Protein backbone atom coordinates (compact mmCIF):
# COMPACT_ATOMS: atom_id res chain seq x y z
CA MET A 1 3.73 -74.11 94.05
CA LYS A 2 2.39 -75.19 90.64
CA HIS A 3 1.47 -71.44 90.28
CA ILE A 4 4.98 -70.39 91.56
CA ILE A 5 6.73 -72.63 89.36
CA HIS A 6 4.93 -71.23 86.55
CA THR A 7 5.27 -67.26 87.60
CA VAL A 8 9.42 -68.19 87.90
CA LEU A 9 9.41 -69.65 84.45
CA LEU A 10 7.51 -66.88 82.58
CA LEU A 11 10.11 -64.19 84.21
CA ALA A 12 12.75 -66.10 83.28
CA LEU A 13 11.47 -66.18 79.39
CA THR A 14 10.43 -62.44 79.51
CA MET A 15 13.84 -61.10 81.21
CA PRO A 16 16.39 -59.29 79.05
CA ALA A 17 19.63 -61.47 78.24
CA TYR A 18 22.11 -59.72 80.59
CA ALA A 19 25.26 -57.66 79.12
CA ARG A 20 28.64 -59.14 79.15
CA MET A 21 31.51 -57.30 80.64
CA LEU A 22 34.76 -57.65 78.92
CA PHE A 23 37.95 -56.44 80.02
CA VAL A 24 41.18 -54.96 78.38
CA GLU A 25 44.23 -54.33 80.31
CA ALA A 26 47.86 -52.85 79.02
CA GLY A 27 49.87 -55.81 78.94
CA GLY A 28 46.76 -58.15 78.56
CA THR A 29 47.03 -61.46 77.36
CA GLY A 30 43.60 -63.05 77.45
CA THR A 31 41.80 -64.21 74.73
CA VAL A 32 38.19 -63.86 75.93
CA CYS A 33 38.80 -60.69 77.68
CA GLU A 34 37.36 -62.22 81.22
CA ILE A 35 38.47 -60.15 84.17
CA SER A 36 40.57 -62.65 85.48
CA GLU A 37 42.37 -62.65 82.15
CA PRO A 38 41.90 -59.67 80.77
CA CYS A 39 42.89 -58.77 76.90
CA GLY A 40 45.72 -56.11 75.44
CA SER A 41 43.93 -55.16 72.55
CA VAL A 42 40.48 -52.76 72.74
CA GLN A 43 39.90 -54.00 68.83
CA GLN A 44 40.24 -57.61 70.43
CA ALA A 45 37.56 -56.91 72.78
CA VAL A 46 35.02 -55.27 70.34
CA ASP A 47 35.11 -58.13 68.01
CA GLN A 48 34.63 -60.39 70.76
CA THR A 49 31.25 -58.45 71.81
CA ASN A 50 27.28 -58.41 71.00
CA ALA A 51 24.98 -55.93 70.82
CA GLY A 52 24.70 -54.48 73.73
CA ASP A 53 28.26 -55.84 75.64
CA HIS A 54 30.43 -53.27 77.75
CA ILE A 55 34.38 -53.04 77.40
CA ARG A 56 36.32 -51.70 80.77
CA ILE A 57 39.42 -50.44 79.18
CA GLY A 58 42.36 -50.13 82.59
CA THR A 59 44.99 -47.66 83.00
CA GLY A 60 47.42 -47.33 80.22
CA ILE A 61 48.24 -46.29 76.71
CA PHE A 62 46.42 -48.21 74.01
CA VAL A 63 48.27 -47.71 70.64
CA GLU A 64 45.88 -48.85 68.01
CA ASN A 65 43.59 -47.30 65.40
CA ILE A 66 39.55 -49.23 66.59
CA THR A 67 36.36 -49.83 64.74
CA ILE A 68 33.37 -50.58 65.94
CA PRO A 69 31.12 -52.26 62.57
CA LEU A 70 27.49 -51.66 62.38
CA ASP A 71 26.26 -55.07 64.36
CA LYS A 72 27.88 -53.69 67.79
CA ALA A 73 24.86 -51.14 68.41
CA ASN A 74 24.29 -50.18 72.18
CA LEU A 75 27.93 -50.96 73.34
CA VAL A 76 29.77 -49.54 75.96
CA ILE A 77 33.38 -48.26 76.23
CA ALA A 78 34.41 -47.19 79.39
CA GLY A 79 37.71 -46.31 80.57
CA ASN A 80 39.46 -45.40 84.18
CA GLY A 81 39.48 -41.52 83.45
CA GLN A 82 40.47 -39.11 81.12
CA ALA A 83 44.23 -39.05 83.01
CA GLU A 84 44.52 -42.93 83.17
CA THR A 85 43.33 -44.30 79.72
CA VAL A 86 44.77 -43.19 76.52
CA LEU A 87 43.91 -44.43 73.05
CA GLN A 88 46.66 -43.37 70.85
CA SER A 89 46.99 -43.56 66.98
CA ALA A 90 49.08 -46.35 65.62
CA GLY A 91 49.51 -44.40 62.30
CA ALA A 92 46.68 -45.90 60.44
CA ASP A 93 43.93 -49.05 60.18
CA GLY A 94 45.29 -52.62 59.81
CA VAL A 95 43.09 -52.13 56.51
CA PRO A 96 43.52 -48.69 54.70
CA LYS A 97 40.50 -46.51 55.29
CA PHE A 98 39.56 -43.05 53.18
CA ALA A 99 37.46 -40.27 53.85
CA PRO A 100 36.55 -39.07 51.05
CA ALA A 101 37.49 -41.91 48.61
CA ASP A 102 40.83 -40.80 47.57
CA VAL A 103 41.77 -39.18 50.78
CA PRO A 104 43.45 -41.60 53.24
CA VAL A 105 42.95 -41.14 56.76
CA ASP A 106 43.91 -41.91 60.05
CA ILE A 107 40.73 -42.88 62.46
CA VAL A 108 41.86 -43.19 66.25
CA LEU A 109 37.50 -44.40 67.30
CA ASP A 110 35.70 -45.21 63.80
CA ILE A 111 31.82 -45.79 64.79
CA PHE A 112 29.39 -47.57 62.31
CA ALA A 113 27.00 -48.98 65.19
CA PRO A 114 24.32 -47.19 66.37
CA ASP A 115 23.32 -46.48 70.00
CA VAL A 116 27.27 -46.50 71.06
CA THR A 117 28.27 -45.15 74.62
CA VAL A 118 32.42 -43.94 75.23
CA HIS A 119 33.26 -42.37 78.00
CA ARG A 120 36.10 -41.72 80.61
CA LEU A 121 38.97 -41.94 78.17
CA THR A 122 41.58 -39.96 76.40
CA ILE A 123 42.15 -39.91 72.66
CA ILE A 124 45.11 -38.60 71.03
CA HIS A 125 47.10 -38.05 67.65
CA PRO A 126 50.82 -38.45 69.28
CA GLU A 127 53.72 -35.90 68.56
CA GLY A 128 55.13 -36.77 64.83
CA VAL A 129 54.48 -35.32 61.15
CA PRO A 130 51.01 -36.01 60.18
CA THR A 131 50.67 -37.89 56.71
CA LYS A 132 46.86 -38.62 56.21
CA ARG A 133 44.11 -37.04 57.35
CA ASP A 134 43.53 -37.15 61.40
CA ILE A 135 40.05 -37.72 62.86
CA GLY A 136 39.93 -38.65 66.73
CA ILE A 137 36.31 -39.99 66.54
CA PHE A 138 34.63 -40.56 63.01
CA ILE A 139 30.89 -40.89 63.71
CA ARG A 140 29.54 -42.58 60.17
CA PRO A 141 26.04 -42.46 59.27
CA THR A 142 24.54 -45.25 60.24
CA ALA A 143 25.87 -44.14 63.78
CA SER A 144 22.67 -42.50 65.21
CA ASN A 145 22.23 -41.61 69.21
CA VAL A 146 26.07 -42.19 69.84
CA LYS A 147 26.74 -40.90 73.05
CA LEU A 148 30.35 -39.27 73.82
CA ALA A 149 31.09 -38.11 77.89
CA ASN A 150 34.04 -37.23 79.95
CA LEU A 151 36.58 -37.13 76.93
CA GLU A 152 39.62 -35.79 75.88
CA VAL A 153 40.61 -35.59 72.17
CA GLN A 154 44.02 -33.72 71.30
CA ARG A 155 45.77 -33.45 68.89
CA LEU A 156 49.99 -33.11 69.23
CA ARG A 157 51.41 -33.11 65.57
CA THR A 158 54.51 -31.52 64.57
CA GLY A 159 55.99 -30.37 61.21
CA SER A 160 55.33 -27.37 59.04
CA VAL A 161 52.32 -28.63 57.50
CA LEU A 162 49.65 -29.73 59.65
CA GLU A 163 47.21 -31.06 57.00
CA PRO A 164 48.84 -32.74 54.63
CA THR A 165 45.58 -33.53 52.78
CA ALA A 166 42.61 -31.87 52.22
CA PRO A 167 39.39 -31.88 53.64
CA GLY A 168 41.66 -31.38 57.28
CA SER A 169 41.45 -32.88 60.54
CA ARG A 170 38.82 -33.40 62.97
CA GLY A 171 38.61 -34.10 66.42
CA LEU A 172 35.12 -35.20 66.36
CA PHE A 173 33.56 -35.98 62.93
CA VAL A 174 29.69 -36.62 63.02
CA ILE A 175 28.57 -37.26 59.02
CA ARG A 176 25.06 -37.50 58.54
CA ALA A 177 24.81 -39.63 61.61
CA THR A 178 21.43 -37.66 64.14
CA GLY A 179 21.23 -37.78 68.09
CA THR A 180 25.12 -37.79 68.74
CA ASP A 181 25.55 -36.12 72.00
CA ILE A 182 28.42 -34.97 72.57
CA ARG A 183 29.36 -33.56 76.39
CA ASN A 184 31.57 -32.79 79.92
CA SER A 185 34.65 -33.09 77.45
CA THR A 186 37.52 -31.50 76.49
CA LEU A 187 39.10 -30.85 72.93
CA HIS A 188 42.47 -29.42 72.35
CA GLY A 189 45.48 -29.22 70.46
CA ASN A 190 45.97 -28.64 66.55
CA TYR A 191 42.81 -30.24 64.68
CA GLN A 192 41.85 -27.83 62.08
CA ASP A 193 38.32 -28.02 63.49
CA HIS A 194 37.49 -30.00 66.74
CA ILE A 195 33.57 -30.34 66.54
CA HIS A 196 32.65 -30.50 62.54
CA LEU A 197 28.85 -31.40 62.48
CA PRO A 198 27.90 -31.69 58.95
CA THR A 199 24.59 -33.38 60.07
CA SER A 200 21.75 -32.70 62.22
CA GLN A 201 20.00 -33.04 66.08
CA THR A 202 23.37 -33.05 67.73
CA THR A 203 23.61 -31.94 71.46
CA VAL A 204 27.04 -30.32 72.56
CA LEU A 205 26.86 -29.79 76.27
CA ASN A 206 29.41 -28.35 78.52
CA ASN A 207 32.56 -28.79 76.66
CA ASP A 208 35.92 -26.93 76.61
CA ILE A 209 37.23 -26.79 73.03
CA MET A 210 40.69 -24.90 72.75
CA ASN A 211 42.98 -23.67 70.04
CA ALA A 212 41.79 -25.23 66.54
CA THR A 213 43.28 -24.00 64.33
CA ARG A 214 40.63 -23.29 62.15
CA ILE A 215 36.92 -23.32 63.96
CA GLY A 216 35.89 -24.54 67.28
CA ILE A 217 32.40 -26.07 66.32
CA VAL A 218 30.81 -25.94 63.02
CA VAL A 219 27.55 -26.70 61.82
CA ILE A 220 27.98 -26.90 58.43
CA GLN A 221 26.81 -28.18 55.33
CA GLU A 222 27.97 -30.57 52.88
CA THR A 223 26.11 -28.89 50.09
CA PRO A 224 24.02 -25.83 49.43
CA GLU A 225 21.18 -28.24 49.14
CA THR A 226 21.98 -30.55 52.51
CA LEU A 227 20.16 -29.60 55.88
CA SER A 228 21.90 -29.16 59.26
CA THR A 229 19.19 -28.44 61.62
CA GLY A 230 17.92 -28.91 65.32
CA HIS A 231 21.29 -28.79 66.90
CA VAL A 232 21.85 -27.62 70.81
CA ILE A 233 24.75 -25.99 71.47
CA ARG A 234 24.81 -24.94 75.09
CA GLY A 235 26.98 -24.06 78.01
CA ASN A 236 30.56 -24.45 75.80
CA HIS A 237 33.76 -22.77 76.20
CA VAL A 238 35.56 -22.02 72.83
CA SER A 239 38.52 -20.35 72.70
CA GLY A 240 42.35 -19.59 70.89
CA SER A 241 40.61 -20.37 67.38
CA GLY A 242 42.40 -19.63 64.70
CA SER A 243 38.99 -18.28 63.29
CA ASP A 244 35.63 -18.49 64.36
CA GLY A 245 34.89 -19.92 67.64
CA ILE A 246 31.07 -21.09 66.36
CA GLN A 247 29.74 -21.17 63.10
CA ILE A 248 26.35 -22.28 62.14
CA GLN A 249 25.56 -22.66 58.44
CA GLY A 250 22.35 -24.50 58.96
CA ASP A 251 19.20 -23.89 60.02
CA ASP A 252 16.82 -23.38 63.02
CA ASN A 253 20.11 -24.89 65.70
CA LEU A 254 20.16 -23.15 69.34
CA VAL A 255 23.40 -21.71 70.32
CA GLN A 256 22.71 -20.48 74.16
CA ALA A 257 25.10 -19.88 77.17
CA ASN A 258 28.67 -20.64 75.26
CA ARG A 259 31.45 -18.62 75.95
CA SER A 260 33.51 -18.48 72.82
CA LYS A 261 36.36 -16.11 73.49
CA ASN A 262 39.87 -14.70 72.02
CA ASN A 263 39.02 -16.32 68.92
CA GLY A 264 40.96 -15.12 65.33
CA GLY A 265 37.23 -14.57 63.58
CA TYR A 266 34.27 -13.97 65.08
CA GLY A 267 32.54 -15.53 68.77
CA ILE A 268 30.14 -16.39 66.74
CA VAL A 269 29.21 -15.99 63.13
CA LEU A 270 25.66 -17.16 61.10
CA CYS A 271 27.09 -17.73 57.43
CA GLY A 272 24.77 -16.05 54.39
CA PRO A 273 25.67 -16.34 50.70
CA GLY A 274 28.07 -15.05 49.42
CA LEU A 275 28.28 -12.23 52.16
CA PHE A 276 31.10 -14.20 54.41
CA PRO A 277 33.44 -16.28 52.01
CA ALA A 278 35.61 -16.98 55.03
CA CYS A 279 33.07 -19.67 56.07
CA VAL A 280 34.04 -23.08 55.29
CA PRO A 281 32.84 -23.94 52.25
CA PRO A 282 29.96 -24.28 50.64
CA GLY A 283 29.04 -21.83 53.74
CA ASP A 284 29.43 -19.06 51.38
CA THR A 285 26.58 -20.15 49.58
CA ALA A 286 24.72 -21.22 52.42
CA ASP A 287 21.95 -19.11 54.08
CA ALA A 288 21.87 -19.86 57.99
CA SER A 289 17.95 -19.11 59.35
CA GLY A 290 15.63 -19.72 62.15
CA ASN A 291 18.51 -20.20 64.31
CA VAL A 292 18.39 -18.71 68.23
CA VAL A 293 21.94 -17.48 69.68
CA LEU A 294 21.07 -16.32 73.35
CA GLY A 295 22.92 -15.38 76.02
CA ASN A 296 26.18 -16.06 74.86
CA ARG A 297 29.25 -14.55 76.09
CA THR A 298 32.45 -13.75 73.56
CA PRO A 299 34.55 -11.33 74.54
CA GLY A 300 38.51 -10.76 73.06
CA ASN A 301 37.28 -12.14 69.20
CA THR A 302 39.61 -10.04 66.40
CA LEU A 303 36.50 -9.64 64.27
CA GLY A 304 34.18 -9.15 67.10
CA THR A 305 31.27 -10.86 68.99
CA VAL A 306 28.37 -12.33 67.05
CA ALA A 307 27.64 -11.84 62.80
CA ASP A 308 24.32 -12.91 61.42
CA TYR A 309 24.97 -12.81 57.30
CA GLY A 310 21.85 -15.15 57.84
CA SER A 311 18.43 -14.48 57.55
CA ASP A 312 15.46 -14.42 59.97
CA ASN A 313 17.49 -15.51 63.17
CA THR A 314 17.00 -14.55 66.39
CA ILE A 315 19.78 -12.72 68.79
CA LYS A 316 19.73 -11.89 71.95
CA PRO A 317 22.51 -10.16 73.43
CA THR A 318 24.65 -11.23 75.82
CA PRO A 319 24.02 -11.81 79.60
């Protein structure tokens, strides 16, 4: 008996603590986000979490701008599905934000914490004339290994000036945060760029990316000296971009088995210094090298299929 008690106590001491589950429902009035008394605000739930907790968001439209601070690592946020759970911008954060420092920004979901997972919901910038820089999901430099799956990200802005500030709007913006995983999601509407990657080691897998006013997916260098390497861009459908479907400025990336069609520029372009000024700055000085472009389909693009202005890239024909 003493042996059994000792074993039970040892297991209790070594087992990890259980993650807490918090609940958010439209019209919820709870203060601690329990299943019997759910909160009505996603941010209210985030503020109460500890690292590793889970938030379950019910059906409805939640009009707010949400920040996940650095101390919320391993947080999981799940909705009831893209058609059921909508996070819609309220127009700005309670505390105004700027990105870069002199540009006011409207971020629906702003992630500072590492190892966060977000899935099964919609992010939206609604109709209305934009007054700030719109970003659907902003993944900050401290937010490594974020996982985004089964999302819809949409911008419905109206008016003659869709980009009132420069730089312009972004659907998913990953800045210097490595290890981001973006998969099985739909991005559409009039974001300037849908997936904008001044970072390294991102997986972009099996997404539908439509009607960006500029570029569907861009692997960009913040400066000519910064690295943007090790991305895997595979199995995506990119269409209707105002310029290129997929644009690569960095080195040693894999672009494989994508369908990039009916875009206003090239299906896929690898940037080179001074040779293609339409590449997003500093793309006209970048030298994309060591990239592998394999088995992509690129029909119906205005400027052509695949253009290589870089060096030492491997381009294999479409199947």
